[in-house]
C-alpha atoms as a PDB file:
ATOM      1  CA  MET A   1     106.512  95.921  99.282  1.00  0.00           C
ATOM      2  CA  GLU A   2     103.053  97.579  99.352  1.00  0.00           C
ATOM      3  CA  LYS A   3     102.058  98.632 102.744  1.00  0.00           C
ATOM      4  CA  SER A   4      98.923  98.153 104.270  1.00  0.00           C
ATOM      5  CA  SER A   5      97.715 101.560 103.937  1.00  0.00           C
ATOM      6  CA  GLU A   6      98.392 101.319 100.436  1.00  0.00           C
ATOM      7  CA  LYS A   7      96.590  98.167  99.805  1.00  0.00           C
ATOM      8  CA  PHE A   8      93.298  99.452 102.138  1.00  0.00           C
ATOM      9  CA  ALA A   9      93.274 101.797  99.824  1.00  0.00           C
ATOM     10  CA  LYS A  10      93.186 100.124  96.328  1.00  0.00           C
ATOM     11  CA  ARG A  11      90.080  98.049  97.671  1.00  0.00           C
ATOM     12  CA  LEU A  12      88.711 100.799  98.799  1.00  0.00           C
ATOM     13  CA  ARG A  13      88.702 102.884  95.226  1.00  0.00           C
ATOM     14  CA  ASP A  14      87.598  99.039  93.796  1.00  0.00           C
ATOM     15  CA  ALA A  15      85.024  98.821  96.150  1.00  0.00           C
ATOM     16  CA  MET A  16      83.647 102.300  95.925  1.00  0.00           C
ATOM     17  CA  GLN A  17      84.015 102.324  91.794  1.00  0.00           C
ATOM     18  CA  ALA A  18      82.443  99.118  91.612  1.00  0.00           C
ATOM     19  CA  SER A  19      79.541 100.729  93.636  1.00  0.00           C
ATOM     20  CA  GLY A  20      78.836 102.797  91.174  1.00  0.00           C
ATOM     21  CA  TYR A  21      80.762 105.810  92.947  1.00  0.00           C
ATOM     22  CA  ALA A  22      83.797 108.126  91.182  1.00  0.00           C
ATOM     23  CA  ALA A  23      86.766 107.416  93.638  1.00  0.00           C
ATOM     24  CA  LYS A  24      87.490 111.245  94.922  1.00  0.00           C
ATOM     25  CA  PRO A  25      87.933 112.730  98.121  1.00  0.00           C
ATOM     26  CA  ALA A  26      84.106 114.844  97.612  1.00  0.00           C
ATOM     27  CA  VAL A  27      82.217 111.737  96.852  1.00  0.00           C
ATOM     28  CA  LEU A  28      83.604 109.391  99.805  1.00  0.00           C
ATOM     29  CA  GLU A  29      83.425 112.297 102.346  1.00  0.00           C
ATOM     30  CA  ARG A  30      79.921 113.212 101.273  1.00  0.00           C
ATOM     31  CA  GLU A  31      78.738 109.482 101.019  1.00  0.00           C
ATOM     32  CA  PHE A  32      80.622 108.636 104.489  1.00  0.00           C
ATOM     33  CA  ASN A  33      79.668 111.665 106.641  1.00  0.00           C
ATOM     34  CA  LEU A  34      75.412 110.833 105.706  1.00  0.00           C
ATOM     35  CA  ARG A  35      76.396 107.587 107.093  1.00  0.00           C
ATOM     36  CA  TYR A  36      78.541 107.634 110.372  1.00  0.00           C
ATOM     37  CA  THR A  37      76.965 108.664 112.720  1.00  0.00           C
ATOM     38  CA  GLY A  38      80.309 109.819 114.775  1.00  0.00           C
ATOM     39  CA  ARG A  39      82.031 112.884 114.462  1.00  0.00           C
ATOM     40  CA  PRO A  40      82.526 113.519 110.620  1.00  0.00           C
ATOM     41  CA  MET A  41      85.284 112.610 108.289  1.00  0.00           C
ATOM     42  CA  THR A  42      86.969 115.736 106.887  1.00  0.00           C
ATOM     43  CA  LEU A  43      87.534 115.991 103.219  1.00  0.00           C
ATOM     44  CA  HIS A  44      91.490 115.644 104.443  1.00  0.00           C
ATOM     45  CA  GLY A  45      91.042 112.334 106.365  1.00  0.00           C
ATOM     46  CA  VAL A  46      88.994 110.749 103.437  1.00  0.00           C
ATOM     47  CA  ARG A  47      91.632 111.757 100.800  1.00  0.00           C
ATOM     48  CA  ARG A  48      94.344 110.061 103.154  1.00  0.00           C
ATOM     49  CA  TRP A  49      92.182 106.934 103.260  1.00  0.00           C
ATOM     50  CA  LEU A  50      92.601 107.192  99.147  1.00  0.00           C
ATOM     51  CA  LEU A  51      95.890 107.688  98.866  1.00  0.00           C
ATOM     52  CA  GLY A  52      96.782 104.747 101.445  1.00  0.00           C
ATOM     53  CA  GLU A  53      98.626 107.295 103.722  1.00  0.00           C
ATOM     54  CA  SER A  54      96.358 105.878 106.877  1.00  0.00           C
ATOM     55  CA  LEU A  55      93.471 103.541 107.958  1.00  0.00           C
ATOM     56  CA  PRO A  56      90.060 103.904 109.426  1.00  0.00           C
ATOM     57  CA  LYS A  57      89.071 102.727 112.556  1.00  0.00           C
ATOM     58  CA  GLN A  58      87.128  99.549 112.680  1.00  0.00           C
ATOM     59  CA  ASP A  59      84.111 101.384 113.383  1.00  0.00           C
ATOM     60  CA  LYS A  60      84.346 103.685 110.046  1.00  0.00           C
ATOM     61  CA  VAL A  61      85.382 100.322 108.253  1.00  0.00           C
ATOM     62  CA  LEU A  62      81.844  99.150 109.499  1.00  0.00           C
ATOM     63  CA  VAL A  63      80.759 101.752 107.778  1.00  0.00           C
ATOM     64  CA  LEU A  64      82.301 101.855 104.664  1.00  0.00           C
ATOM     65  CA  ALA A  65      81.764  98.161 103.957  1.00  0.00           C
ATOM     66  CA  GLU A  66      78.225  98.143 104.156  1.00  0.00           C
ATOM     67  CA  TRP A  67      77.845 101.464 102.219  1.00  0.00           C
ATOM     68  CA  LEU A  68      79.703  99.817  99.276  1.00  0.00           C
ATOM     69  CA  ARG A  69      78.059  96.481  99.936  1.00  0.00           C
ATOM     70  CA  VAL A  70      81.547  94.162 100.466  1.00  0.00           C
ATOM     71  CA  PRO A  71      82.411  92.145 104.003  1.00  0.00           C
ATOM     72  CA  PRO A  72      84.107  94.208 105.961  1.00  0.00           C
ATOM     73  CA  GLN A  73      87.527  91.929 106.350  1.00  0.00           C
ATOM     74  CA  GLN A  74      87.730  91.776 102.347  1.00  0.00           C
ATOM     75  CA  LEU A  75      87.395  95.447 102.852  1.00  0.00           C
ATOM     76  CA  ARG A  76      90.188  95.547 105.570  1.00  0.00           C
ATOM     77  CA  TYR A  77      92.211  92.694 104.837  1.00  0.00           C
ATOM     78  CA  GLY A  78      91.510  91.558 101.094  1.00  0.00           C
ATOM     79  CA  VAL A  79      90.383  88.288  99.998  1.00  0.00           C
ATOM     80  CA  GLU A  80      93.792  86.737 100.121  1.00  0.00           C
ATOM     81  CA  ILE A  81      93.852  86.023 103.370  1.00  0.00           C
ATOM     82  CA  GLU A  82      90.227  84.660 103.226  1.00  0.00           C
ATOM     83  CA  GLN A  83      91.457  82.519 100.684  1.00  0.00           C
ATOM     84  CA  ARG A  84      95.158  81.201 102.263  1.00  0.00           C
ATOM     85  CA  ILE A  85      92.781  80.589 105.151  1.00  0.00           C
ATOM     86  CA  GLU A  86      90.080  78.328 103.163  1.00  0.00           C
ATOM     87  CA  ALA A  87      92.931  76.709 101.323  1.00  0.00           C
ATOM     88  CA  GLU A  88      94.573  75.516 104.594  1.00  0.00           C
ATOM     89  CA  ILE A  89      91.108  73.973 105.911  1.00  0.00           C
ATOM     90  CA  ALA A  90      90.594  72.453 102.628  1.00  0.00           C
ATOM     91  CA  ARG A  91      94.219  70.868 102.884  1.00  0.00           C
ATOM     92  CA  TRP A  92      92.661  69.636 106.750  1.00  0.00           C
ATOM     93  CA  ASP A  93      89.511  68.169 105.080  1.00  0.00           C
ATOM     94  CA  GLU A  94      90.996  66.598 102.433  1.00  0.00           C
ATOM     95  CA  GLY A  95      94.096  65.561 103.785  1.00  0.00           C
ATOM     96  CA  ILE A  96      93.038  63.374 107.183  1.00  0.00           C
ATOM     97  CA  ALA A  97      91.458  59.669 106.732  1.00  0.00           C
ATOM     98  CA  TYR A  98      89.196  59.073 109.580  1.00  0.00           C
ATOM     99  CA  GLN A  99      91.883  57.029 111.432  1.00  0.00           C
ATOM    100  CA  GLU A 100      93.517  60.272 111.995  1.00  0.00           C
ATOM    101  CA  ARG A 101      90.234  62.543 112.427  1.00  0.00           C
ATOM    102  CA  GLU A 102      89.704  59.542 114.638  1.00  0.00           C
ATOM    103  CA  VAL A 103      93.282  60.111 116.712  1.00  0.00           C
ATOM    104  CA  LEU A 104      93.138  63.833 116.915  1.00  0.00           C
ATOM    105  CA  GLU A 105      89.633  63.499 118.083  1.00  0.00           C
ATOM    106  CA  ALA A 106      90.494  61.105 120.981  1.00  0.00           C
ATOM    107  CA  PHE A 107      93.561  63.705 121.478  1.00  0.00           C
ATOM    108  CA  LEU A 108      91.336  66.222 121.953  1.00  0.00           C
ATOM    109  CA  ASN A 109      89.402  64.212 124.942  1.00  0.00           C
ATOM    110  CA  LEU A 110      92.003  64.102 126.661  1.00  0.00           C
ATOM    111  CA  PRO A 111      93.172  65.901 129.842  1.00  0.00           C
ATOM    112  CA  ALA A 112      95.622  68.570 129.204  1.00  0.00           C
ATOM    113  CA  PRO A 113      98.323  67.287 131.055  1.00  0.00           C
ATOM    114  CA  GLN A 114      98.177  64.137 129.108  1.00  0.00           C
ATOM    115  CA  ARG A 115      97.793  66.299 126.163  1.00  0.00           C
ATOM    116  CA  LYS A 116     101.065  68.114 126.856  1.00  0.00           C
ATOM    117  CA  ILE A 117     102.632  64.444 126.606  1.00  0.00           C
ATOM    118  CA  VAL A 118     101.484  63.388 123.227  1.00  0.00           C
ATOM    119  CA  ARG A 119     101.919  66.548 121.402  1.00  0.00           C
ATOM    120  CA  GLU A 120     105.933  66.137 122.955  1.00  0.00           C
ATOM    121  CA  VAL A 121     106.504  62.326 121.164  1.00  0.00           C
ATOM    122  CA  ILE A 122     104.791  63.586 117.887  1.00  0.00           C
ATOM    123  CA  LEU A 123     106.848  66.305 117.526  1.00  0.00           C
ATOM    124  CA  THR A 124     110.308  64.646 119.304  1.00  0.00           C
ATOM    125  CA  PHE A 125     109.023  61.935 116.831  1.00  0.00           C
ATOM    126  CA  ALA A 126     108.526  65.015 114.213  1.00  0.00           C
ATOM    127  CA  GLN A 127     112.587  65.840 114.616  1.00  0.00           C
ATOM    128  CA  VAL A 128     113.635  62.655 114.473  1.00  0.00           C
ATOM    129  CA  PHE A 129     112.264  61.822 111.576  1.00  0.00           C
ATOM    130  CA  PRO A 130     111.414  64.505 109.146  1.00  0.00           C
ATOM    131  CA  ALA A 131     109.020  65.006 106.685  1.00  0.00           C
ATOM    132  CA  SER A 132     111.456  64.777 103.410  1.00  0.00           C
ATOM    133  CA  ALA A 133     112.048  61.390 105.127  1.00  0.00           C
ATOM    134  CA  LYS A 134     108.995  60.006 104.334  1.00  0.00           C
ATOM    135  CA  ALA A 135     108.783  56.963 102.314  1.00  0.00           C
END
């Protein structure tokens, strides 16, 4: 299985190429250090980013993202996680009718102790009547 640093390295190389830059350590070192106000990165340090041997800290990811004009979360985590989250939100939006929304709204307006009781009742029903037993 591919490590997160290797996935980041691929996204970084792809973003550099998409922005018209060669995905080479010398290019990355020069362009990054022109924009970063902290301690400059070494050629060896940025080479490790490109090879997936290490991950930059978040402040450096922000500089990279701004330079390459990609969202920082996309550079750091990829688009897959965002797509999974959007799919889950869409599932909720499509799968919940007006009555369920009304019930959820009422539940959220209950005081915490009553929410806990209702939650326990729902979870008990879910255990007794599993989803596979739906009619």
